[in-house]
Amino acid sequence: MKRALRVLMVVASTLACVGLVQPVEAAQKAAKQKAPDDMAKVVIQVSDNDPGKWNLALNNAKNVQEDYGKDKVKIEIVAYGPGLGMLKLDSAVAGRVSEASADGIAMIACENTMRKQKLSQADMLPGIGFVKSGVPELMQKQKEGYAYIRP
């Protein structure tokens, strides 16, 4: 993306010399509109109270990272409903969740579910994120071009 922006700026500067475009603004606008997003993106839904499914979701995320490379993929795991247990302090996969977070995988808890289960952020693992509602988060990520996975 940075390289593409530099190339566009050189082209825009050249065109500006002959009076065809405004240099920096044109290059930035072109980069935002036409530059392909070279980052792979995936959102993983966890809504089951099943440590086997939790491990599968974590395995999927790790495998995607290994295949694409950590710096070439954005991964978010969204837990809601019965799956929220994955992100609690007493989770059977707490160590793996912490490891995945440290590797750049975003762990997201649904605050609606937390409220219904009478949980606070203090009940959850450190380093996770929070959204008002899990399903709309999945919808938004899909709208943003994220691949959707439900193990």
N, C-alpha and C. Protein backbone atom coordinates (compact mmCIF):
# COMPACT_ATOMS: atom_id res chain seq x y z
N MET A 1 0.83 -1.19 0.00
CA MET A 1 0.00 0.00 0.00
C MET A 1 0.87 1.25 0.00
N LYS A 2 1.95 1.25 0.82
CA LYS A 2 2.83 2.41 0.86
C LYS A 2 3.54 2.58 -0.47
N ARG A 3 3.96 1.46 -1.06
CA ARG A 3 4.64 1.53 -2.36
C ARG A 3 3.69 2.07 -3.42
N ALA A 4 2.45 1.57 -3.41
CA ALA A 4 1.47 2.03 -4.38
C ALA A 4 1.21 3.53 -4.22
N LEU A 5 1.16 4.00 -2.97
CA LEU A 5 0.95 5.42 -2.73
C LEU A 5 2.11 6.24 -3.28
N ARG A 6 3.35 5.74 -3.06
CA ARG A 6 4.52 6.45 -3.59
C ARG A 6 4.48 6.53 -5.11
N VAL A 7 4.11 5.43 -5.75
CA VAL A 7 4.04 5.42 -7.22
C VAL A 7 2.97 6.41 -7.69
N LEU A 8 1.82 6.39 -7.02
CA LEU A 8 0.76 7.33 -7.39
C LEU A 8 1.18 8.77 -7.19
N MET A 9 1.96 9.03 -6.14
CA MET A 9 2.42 10.40 -5.89
C MET A 9 3.39 10.85 -6.98
N VAL A 10 4.26 9.94 -7.43
CA VAL A 10 5.19 10.29 -8.51
C VAL A 10 4.41 10.58 -9.78
N VAL A 11 3.44 9.74 -10.10
CA VAL A 11 2.62 9.96 -11.29
C VAL A 11 1.86 11.28 -11.17
N ALA A 12 1.27 11.52 -10.00
CA ALA A 12 0.51 12.76 -9.80
C ALA A 12 1.42 13.98 -9.90
N SER A 13 2.63 13.87 -9.35
CA SER A 13 3.57 14.98 -9.42
C SER A 13 3.95 15.27 -10.86
N THR A 14 4.17 14.21 -11.63
CA THR A 14 4.52 14.38 -13.04
C THR A 14 3.37 15.05 -13.78
N LEU A 15 2.16 14.59 -13.54
CA LEU A 15 1.00 15.19 -14.19
C LEU A 15 0.80 16.63 -13.73
N ALA A 16 1.13 16.90 -12.48
CA ALA A 16 0.99 18.27 -11.97
C ALA A 16 1.94 19.21 -12.70
N CYS A 17 3.12 18.70 -13.04
CA CYS A 17 4.09 19.53 -13.77
C CYS A 17 3.52 20.01 -15.09
N VAL A 18 2.67 19.18 -15.69
CA VAL A 18 2.07 19.60 -16.95
C VAL A 18 0.67 20.18 -16.72
N GLY A 19 0.33 20.40 -15.45
CA GLY A 19 -0.91 21.08 -15.09
C GLY A 19 -2.17 20.26 -15.15
N LEU A 20 -2.05 18.93 -15.08
CA LEU A 20 -3.25 18.10 -15.21
C LEU A 20 -3.96 17.80 -13.89
N VAL A 21 -3.20 17.67 -12.78
CA VAL A 21 -3.83 17.36 -11.49
C VAL A 21 -3.10 18.03 -10.35
N GLN A 22 -3.73 18.06 -9.20
CA GLN A 22 -3.09 18.50 -7.97
C GLN A 22 -2.28 17.33 -7.44
N PRO A 23 -0.98 17.46 -7.14
CA PRO A 23 -0.12 16.33 -6.85
C PRO A 23 -0.50 15.45 -5.66
N VAL A 24 -0.34 15.92 -4.45
CA VAL A 24 -0.50 15.07 -3.28
C VAL A 24 -1.95 14.65 -3.10
N GLU A 25 -2.87 15.58 -3.20
CA GLU A 25 -4.27 15.27 -2.99
C GLU A 25 -4.77 14.24 -3.99
N ALA A 26 -4.38 14.36 -5.22
CA ALA A 26 -4.81 13.40 -6.24
C ALA A 26 -4.25 12.01 -5.96
N ALA A 27 -3.00 11.94 -5.55
CA ALA A 27 -2.39 10.65 -5.25
C ALA A 27 -3.06 9.99 -4.06
N GLN A 28 -3.34 10.78 -3.02
CA GLN A 28 -3.99 10.21 -1.84
C GLN A 28 -5.40 9.73 -2.17
N LYS A 29 -6.12 10.53 -2.92
CA LYS A 29 -7.48 10.15 -3.30
C LYS A 29 -7.47 8.88 -4.13
N ALA A 30 -6.56 8.79 -5.09
CA ALA A 30 -6.46 7.59 -5.93
C ALA A 30 -6.09 6.37 -5.12
N ALA A 31 -5.19 6.54 -4.17
CA ALA A 31 -4.77 5.41 -3.34
C ALA A 31 -5.92 4.89 -2.51
N LYS A 32 -6.73 5.78 -1.97
CA LYS A 32 -7.86 5.37 -1.15
C LYS A 32 -8.94 4.69 -1.98
N GLN A 33 -9.16 5.16 -3.19
CA GLN A 33 -10.25 4.64 -4.00
C GLN A 33 -9.86 3.41 -4.80
N LYS A 34 -8.66 3.36 -5.34
CA LYS A 34 -8.31 2.32 -6.29
C LYS A 34 -7.29 1.32 -5.80
N ALA A 35 -6.54 1.65 -4.78
CA ALA A 35 -5.50 0.73 -4.31
C ALA A 35 -6.15 -0.50 -3.70
N PRO A 36 -5.75 -1.69 -4.16
CA PRO A 36 -6.34 -2.90 -3.59
C PRO A 36 -5.86 -3.10 -2.16
N ASP A 37 -6.73 -3.63 -1.33
CA ASP A 37 -6.36 -3.93 0.04
C ASP A 37 -5.65 -5.28 0.02
N ASP A 38 -4.35 -5.27 0.23
CA ASP A 38 -3.58 -6.51 0.15
C ASP A 38 -3.62 -7.31 1.45
N MET A 39 -4.41 -6.86 2.39
CA MET A 39 -4.52 -7.54 3.67
C MET A 39 -5.72 -8.48 3.63
N ALA A 40 -5.49 -9.75 3.91
CA ALA A 40 -6.60 -10.70 4.04
C ALA A 40 -7.29 -10.42 5.37
N LYS A 41 -8.60 -10.66 5.42
CA LYS A 41 -9.36 -10.36 6.64
C LYS A 41 -10.35 -11.49 6.89
N VAL A 42 -10.40 -11.92 8.14
CA VAL A 42 -11.33 -12.98 8.50
C VAL A 42 -11.92 -12.71 9.88
N VAL A 43 -13.22 -12.96 10.02
CA VAL A 43 -13.90 -12.85 11.31
C VAL A 43 -14.47 -14.24 11.62
N ILE A 44 -14.23 -14.67 12.84
CA ILE A 44 -14.64 -16.01 13.27
C ILE A 44 -15.68 -15.88 14.38
N GLN A 45 -16.81 -16.54 14.19
CA GLN A 45 -17.90 -16.52 15.17
C GLN A 45 -17.74 -17.66 16.15
N VAL A 46 -17.86 -17.36 17.44
CA VAL A 46 -17.90 -18.39 18.48
C VAL A 46 -19.16 -18.14 19.31
N SER A 47 -20.13 -19.04 19.17
CA SER A 47 -21.39 -18.86 19.91
C SER A 47 -21.84 -20.17 20.58
N ASP A 48 -20.93 -21.11 20.71
CA ASP A 48 -21.23 -22.39 21.36
C ASP A 48 -20.45 -22.51 22.66
N ASN A 49 -21.06 -23.11 23.66
CA ASN A 49 -20.40 -23.36 24.93
C ASN A 49 -19.72 -24.73 24.84
N ASP A 50 -18.68 -24.78 24.02
CA ASP A 50 -18.01 -26.04 23.74
C ASP A 50 -16.51 -25.80 23.58
N PRO A 51 -15.71 -26.22 24.55
CA PRO A 51 -14.26 -26.02 24.45
C PRO A 51 -13.66 -26.61 23.17
N GLY A 52 -14.27 -27.67 22.65
CA GLY A 52 -13.81 -28.23 21.38
C GLY A 52 -13.96 -27.24 20.24
N LYS A 53 -15.09 -26.54 20.22
CA LYS A 53 -15.32 -25.51 19.19
C LYS A 53 -14.40 -24.31 19.42
N TRP A 54 -14.17 -23.97 20.69
CA TRP A 54 -13.27 -22.86 20.99
C TRP A 54 -11.88 -23.18 20.45
N ASN A 55 -11.40 -24.41 20.71
CA ASN A 55 -10.09 -24.81 20.21
C ASN A 55 -10.05 -24.83 18.69
N LEU A 56 -11.15 -25.25 18.07
CA LEU A 56 -11.21 -25.26 16.62
C LEU A 56 -11.11 -23.83 16.07
N ALA A 57 -11.82 -22.90 16.68
CA ALA A 57 -11.74 -21.49 16.25
C ALA A 57 -10.32 -20.96 16.38
N LEU A 58 -9.68 -21.27 17.51
CA LEU A 58 -8.30 -20.82 17.73
C LEU A 58 -7.34 -21.49 16.74
N ASN A 59 -7.57 -22.77 16.46
CA ASN A 59 -6.74 -23.47 15.46
C ASN A 59 -6.93 -22.85 14.08
N ASN A 60 -8.19 -22.55 13.71
CA ASN A 60 -8.45 -21.91 12.42
C ASN A 60 -7.70 -20.60 12.30
N ALA A 61 -7.78 -19.78 13.35
CA ALA A 61 -7.11 -18.48 13.33
C ALA A 61 -5.60 -18.65 13.20
N LYS A 62 -5.02 -19.55 13.96
CA LYS A 62 -3.58 -19.78 13.91
C LYS A 62 -3.16 -20.30 12.53
N ASN A 63 -3.93 -21.21 11.96
CA ASN A 63 -3.61 -21.75 10.64
C ASN A 63 -3.67 -20.67 9.56
N VAL A 64 -4.65 -19.78 9.65
CA VAL A 64 -4.75 -18.69 8.68
C VAL A 64 -3.52 -17.79 8.81
N GLN A 65 -3.14 -17.47 10.05
CA GLN A 65 -1.94 -16.64 10.27
C GLN A 65 -0.70 -17.31 9.69
N GLU A 66 -0.56 -18.60 9.92
CA GLU A 66 0.62 -19.31 9.42
C GLU A 66 0.63 -19.35 7.90
N ASP A 67 -0.54 -19.52 7.29
CA ASP A 67 -0.63 -19.60 5.84
C ASP A 67 -0.35 -18.26 5.17
N TYR A 68 -0.97 -17.20 5.68
CA TYR A 68 -0.83 -15.87 5.08
C TYR A 68 0.38 -15.10 5.60
N GLY A 69 0.76 -15.35 6.85
CA GLY A 69 1.77 -14.54 7.53
C GLY A 69 1.06 -13.55 8.43
N LYS A 70 1.57 -13.38 9.65
CA LYS A 70 0.91 -12.52 10.64
C LYS A 70 0.69 -11.10 10.14
N ASP A 71 1.62 -10.59 9.35
CA ASP A 71 1.52 -9.21 8.89
C ASP A 71 0.67 -9.06 7.63
N LYS A 72 0.10 -10.15 7.15
CA LYS A 72 -0.69 -10.10 5.92
C LYS A 72 -2.16 -10.43 6.13
N VAL A 73 -2.57 -10.60 7.39
CA VAL A 73 -3.96 -10.97 7.65
C VAL A 73 -4.45 -10.32 8.95
N LYS A 74 -5.71 -9.89 8.92
CA LYS A 74 -6.38 -9.39 10.12
C LYS A 74 -7.40 -10.45 10.52
N ILE A 75 -7.33 -10.84 11.79
CA ILE A 75 -8.24 -11.88 12.28
C ILE A 75 -8.94 -11.36 13.53
N GLU A 76 -10.25 -11.57 13.57
CA GLU A 76 -11.04 -11.20 14.73
C GLU A 76 -11.93 -12.38 15.10
N ILE A 77 -11.91 -12.75 16.36
CA ILE A 77 -12.81 -13.78 16.88
C ILE A 77 -13.85 -13.08 17.75
N VAL A 78 -15.12 -13.24 17.39
CA VAL A 78 -16.23 -12.61 18.10
C VAL A 78 -16.98 -13.68 18.88
N ALA A 79 -17.01 -13.53 20.20
CA ALA A 79 -17.70 -14.48 21.06
C ALA A 79 -18.95 -13.84 21.65
N TYR A 80 -20.06 -14.56 21.55
CA TYR A 80 -21.32 -14.09 22.13
C TYR A 80 -22.17 -15.27 22.52
N GLY A 81 -23.26 -14.99 23.22
CA GLY A 81 -24.13 -16.07 23.67
C GLY A 81 -23.34 -17.07 24.49
N PRO A 82 -23.66 -18.36 24.36
CA PRO A 82 -22.95 -19.38 25.13
C PRO A 82 -21.45 -19.42 24.85
N GLY A 83 -21.03 -18.91 23.71
CA GLY A 83 -19.60 -18.90 23.37
C GLY A 83 -18.78 -17.91 24.15
N LEU A 84 -19.43 -17.01 24.87
CA LEU A 84 -18.71 -15.99 25.63
C LEU A 84 -17.78 -16.61 26.67
N GLY A 85 -18.11 -17.80 27.13
CA GLY A 85 -17.28 -18.48 28.12
C GLY A 85 -15.83 -18.62 27.67
N MET A 86 -15.61 -18.61 26.38
CA MET A 86 -14.25 -18.70 25.83
C MET A 86 -13.37 -17.56 26.32
N LEU A 87 -13.96 -16.41 26.58
CA LEU A 87 -13.19 -15.22 26.92
C LEU A 87 -13.22 -14.87 28.41
N LYS A 88 -13.82 -15.74 29.21
CA LYS A 88 -13.86 -15.50 30.65
C LYS A 88 -12.54 -15.92 31.31
N LEU A 89 -12.28 -15.34 32.48
CA LEU A 89 -11.05 -15.65 33.22
C LEU A 89 -10.88 -17.15 33.48
N ASP A 90 -11.98 -17.84 33.73
CA ASP A 90 -11.90 -19.27 34.04
C ASP A 90 -12.07 -20.16 32.81
N SER A 91 -11.88 -19.62 31.64
CA SER A 91 -12.03 -20.36 30.40
C SER A 91 -11.06 -21.54 30.31
N ALA A 92 -11.54 -22.64 29.76
CA ALA A 92 -10.70 -23.82 29.55
C ALA A 92 -9.60 -23.55 28.53
N VAL A 93 -9.77 -22.51 27.73
CA VAL A 93 -8.77 -22.18 26.71
C VAL A 93 -8.10 -20.83 26.97
N ALA A 94 -8.11 -20.38 28.22
CA ALA A 94 -7.57 -19.06 28.58
C ALA A 94 -6.14 -18.87 28.09
N GLY A 95 -5.31 -19.87 28.27
CA GLY A 95 -3.92 -19.75 27.84
C GLY A 95 -3.80 -19.57 26.33
N ARG A 96 -4.59 -20.33 25.60
CA ARG A 96 -4.56 -20.22 24.14
C ARG A 96 -5.11 -18.88 23.66
N VAL A 97 -6.14 -18.38 24.35
CA VAL A 97 -6.71 -17.08 23.99
C VAL A 97 -5.65 -15.99 24.20
N SER A 98 -4.95 -16.05 25.33
CA SER A 98 -3.91 -15.06 25.61
C SER A 98 -2.79 -15.14 24.57
N GLU A 99 -2.42 -16.35 24.19
CA GLU A 99 -1.38 -16.54 23.17
C GLU A 99 -1.83 -15.98 21.82
N ALA A 100 -3.08 -16.25 21.46
CA ALA A 100 -3.61 -15.74 20.19
C ALA A 100 -3.66 -14.21 20.21
N SER A 101 -4.07 -13.63 21.33
CA SER A 101 -4.10 -12.16 21.44
C SER A 101 -2.70 -11.58 21.27
N ALA A 102 -1.73 -12.23 21.89
CA ALA A 102 -0.34 -11.77 21.78
C ALA A 102 0.16 -11.87 20.34
N ASP A 103 -0.41 -12.81 19.57
CA ASP A 103 -0.03 -12.98 18.16
C ASP A 103 -0.80 -12.05 17.23
N GLY A 104 -1.62 -11.16 17.79
CA GLY A 104 -2.31 -10.17 16.97
C GLY A 104 -3.72 -10.54 16.56
N ILE A 105 -4.25 -11.61 17.11
CA ILE A 105 -5.64 -11.99 16.81
C ILE A 105 -6.54 -11.24 17.79
N ALA A 106 -7.47 -10.48 17.24
CA ALA A 106 -8.38 -9.70 18.10
C ALA A 106 -9.46 -10.60 18.67
N MET A 107 -9.62 -10.54 19.97
CA MET A 107 -10.65 -11.29 20.68
C MET A 107 -11.72 -10.31 21.13
N ILE A 108 -12.96 -10.53 20.72
CA ILE A 108 -14.02 -9.57 20.96
C ILE A 108 -15.17 -10.22 21.73
N ALA A 109 -15.58 -9.59 22.82
CA ALA A 109 -16.70 -10.07 23.64
C ALA A 109 -17.93 -9.18 23.41
N CYS A 110 -19.08 -9.82 23.39
CA CYS A 110 -20.36 -9.13 23.23
C CYS A 110 -20.84 -8.62 24.59
N GLU A 111 -21.00 -7.31 24.70
CA GLU A 111 -21.45 -6.73 25.96
C GLU A 111 -22.91 -7.05 26.27
N ASN A 112 -23.75 -7.26 25.24
CA ASN A 112 -25.14 -7.67 25.50
C ASN A 112 -25.16 -9.00 26.24
N THR A 113 -24.36 -9.94 25.78
CA THR A 113 -24.29 -11.24 26.45
C THR A 113 -23.72 -11.08 27.85
N MET A 114 -22.70 -10.27 27.99
CA MET A 114 -22.10 -10.05 29.31
C MET A 114 -23.16 -9.53 30.28
N ARG A 115 -23.94 -8.57 29.83
CA ARG A 115 -24.98 -7.99 30.69
C ARG A 115 -25.99 -9.07 31.09
N LYS A 116 -26.42 -9.89 30.14
CA LYS A 116 -27.40 -10.95 30.43
C LYS A 116 -26.84 -12.01 31.36
N GLN A 117 -25.52 -12.24 31.27
CA GLN A 117 -24.88 -13.23 32.14
C GLN A 117 -24.34 -12.59 33.43
N LYS A 118 -24.64 -11.31 33.61
CA LYS A 118 -24.18 -10.56 34.78
C LYS A 118 -22.66 -10.60 34.94
N LEU A 119 -21.97 -10.37 33.84
CA LEU A 119 -20.51 -10.35 33.82
C LEU A 119 -20.03 -8.92 33.60
N SER A 120 -18.87 -8.61 34.15
CA SER A 120 -18.25 -7.31 33.92
C SER A 120 -16.93 -7.55 33.18
N GLN A 121 -16.31 -6.48 32.77
CA GLN A 121 -15.01 -6.61 32.10
C GLN A 121 -13.97 -7.24 33.02
N ALA A 122 -14.12 -7.07 34.32
CA ALA A 122 -13.20 -7.68 35.28
C ALA A 122 -13.31 -9.20 35.28
N ASP A 123 -14.42 -9.75 34.80
CA ASP A 123 -14.60 -11.21 34.72
C ASP A 123 -13.96 -11.81 33.47
N MET A 124 -13.50 -10.93 32.59
CA MET A 124 -13.00 -11.39 31.30
C MET A 124 -11.48 -11.39 31.26
N LEU A 125 -10.93 -12.14 30.32
CA LEU A 125 -9.48 -12.21 30.15
C LEU A 125 -8.92 -10.84 29.78
N PRO A 126 -7.71 -10.53 30.21
CA PRO A 126 -7.09 -9.27 29.81
C PRO A 126 -6.77 -9.27 28.32
N GLY A 127 -6.80 -8.09 27.75
CA GLY A 127 -6.40 -7.94 26.35
C GLY A 127 -7.49 -8.16 25.33
N ILE A 128 -8.72 -8.44 25.77
CA ILE A 128 -9.78 -8.62 24.79
C ILE A 128 -10.51 -7.30 24.57
N GLY A 129 -11.22 -7.23 23.46
CA GLY A 129 -12.01 -6.05 23.14
C GLY A 129 -13.48 -6.31 23.40
N PHE A 130 -14.26 -5.26 23.37
CA PHE A 130 -15.68 -5.36 23.66
C PHE A 130 -16.48 -4.60 22.60
N VAL A 131 -17.61 -5.18 22.21
CA VAL A 131 -18.54 -4.51 21.32
C VAL A 131 -19.93 -4.58 21.96
N LYS A 132 -20.77 -3.65 21.61
CA LYS A 132 -22.12 -3.62 22.18
C LYS A 132 -22.86 -4.92 21.87
N SER A 133 -22.75 -5.38 20.64
CA SER A 133 -23.51 -6.55 20.22
C SER A 133 -22.70 -7.38 19.22
N GLY A 134 -22.62 -8.67 19.44
CA GLY A 134 -21.78 -9.55 18.62
C GLY A 134 -22.25 -9.71 17.19
N VAL A 135 -23.54 -9.95 16.98
CA VAL A 135 -24.04 -10.19 15.63
C VAL A 135 -23.83 -8.97 14.72
N PRO A 136 -24.19 -7.76 15.16
CA PRO A 136 -23.90 -6.61 14.30
C PRO A 136 -22.39 -6.44 14.02
N GLU A 137 -21.54 -6.84 14.95
CA GLU A 137 -20.09 -6.79 14.70
C GLU A 137 -19.73 -7.72 13.55
N LEU A 138 -20.31 -8.92 13.55
CA LEU A 138 -20.07 -9.85 12.44
C LEU A 138 -20.58 -9.27 11.12
N MET A 139 -21.76 -8.67 11.18
CA MET A 139 -22.34 -8.06 9.97
C MET A 139 -21.45 -6.94 9.44
N GLN A 140 -20.96 -6.10 10.34
CA GLN A 140 -20.10 -4.98 9.92
C GLN A 140 -18.80 -5.49 9.31
N LYS A 141 -18.21 -6.50 9.93
CA LYS A 141 -16.95 -7.04 9.40
C LYS A 141 -17.17 -7.63 8.01
N GLN A 142 -18.30 -8.31 7.80
CA GLN A 142 -18.58 -8.85 6.47
C GLN A 142 -18.76 -7.72 5.46
N LYS A 143 -19.40 -6.66 5.88
CA LYS A 143 -19.58 -5.49 5.01
C LYS A 143 -18.23 -4.89 4.63
N GLU A 144 -17.26 -4.99 5.55
CA GLU A 144 -15.91 -4.47 5.31
C GLU A 144 -15.04 -5.43 4.52
N GLY A 145 -15.61 -6.55 4.09
CA GLY A 145 -14.86 -7.49 3.26
C GLY A 145 -14.20 -8.63 4.00
N TYR A 146 -14.50 -8.79 5.27
CA TYR A 146 -13.95 -9.91 6.03
C TYR A 146 -14.62 -11.21 5.58
N ALA A 147 -13.83 -12.27 5.45
CA ALA A 147 -14.40 -13.61 5.26
C ALA A 147 -15.00 -14.03 6.59
N TYR A 148 -16.11 -14.76 6.52
CA TYR A 148 -16.82 -15.18 7.73
C TYR A 148 -16.64 -16.68 7.93
N ILE A 149 -16.21 -17.06 9.13
CA ILE A 149 -16.01 -18.47 9.47
C ILE A 149 -16.78 -18.77 10.75
N ARG A 150 -17.47 -19.91 10.74
CA ARG A 150 -18.10 -20.39 11.97
C ARG A 150 -17.73 -21.86 12.11
N PRO A 151 -16.77 -22.14 12.98
CA PRO A 151 -16.35 -23.54 13.14
C PRO A 151 -17.43 -24.39 13.81
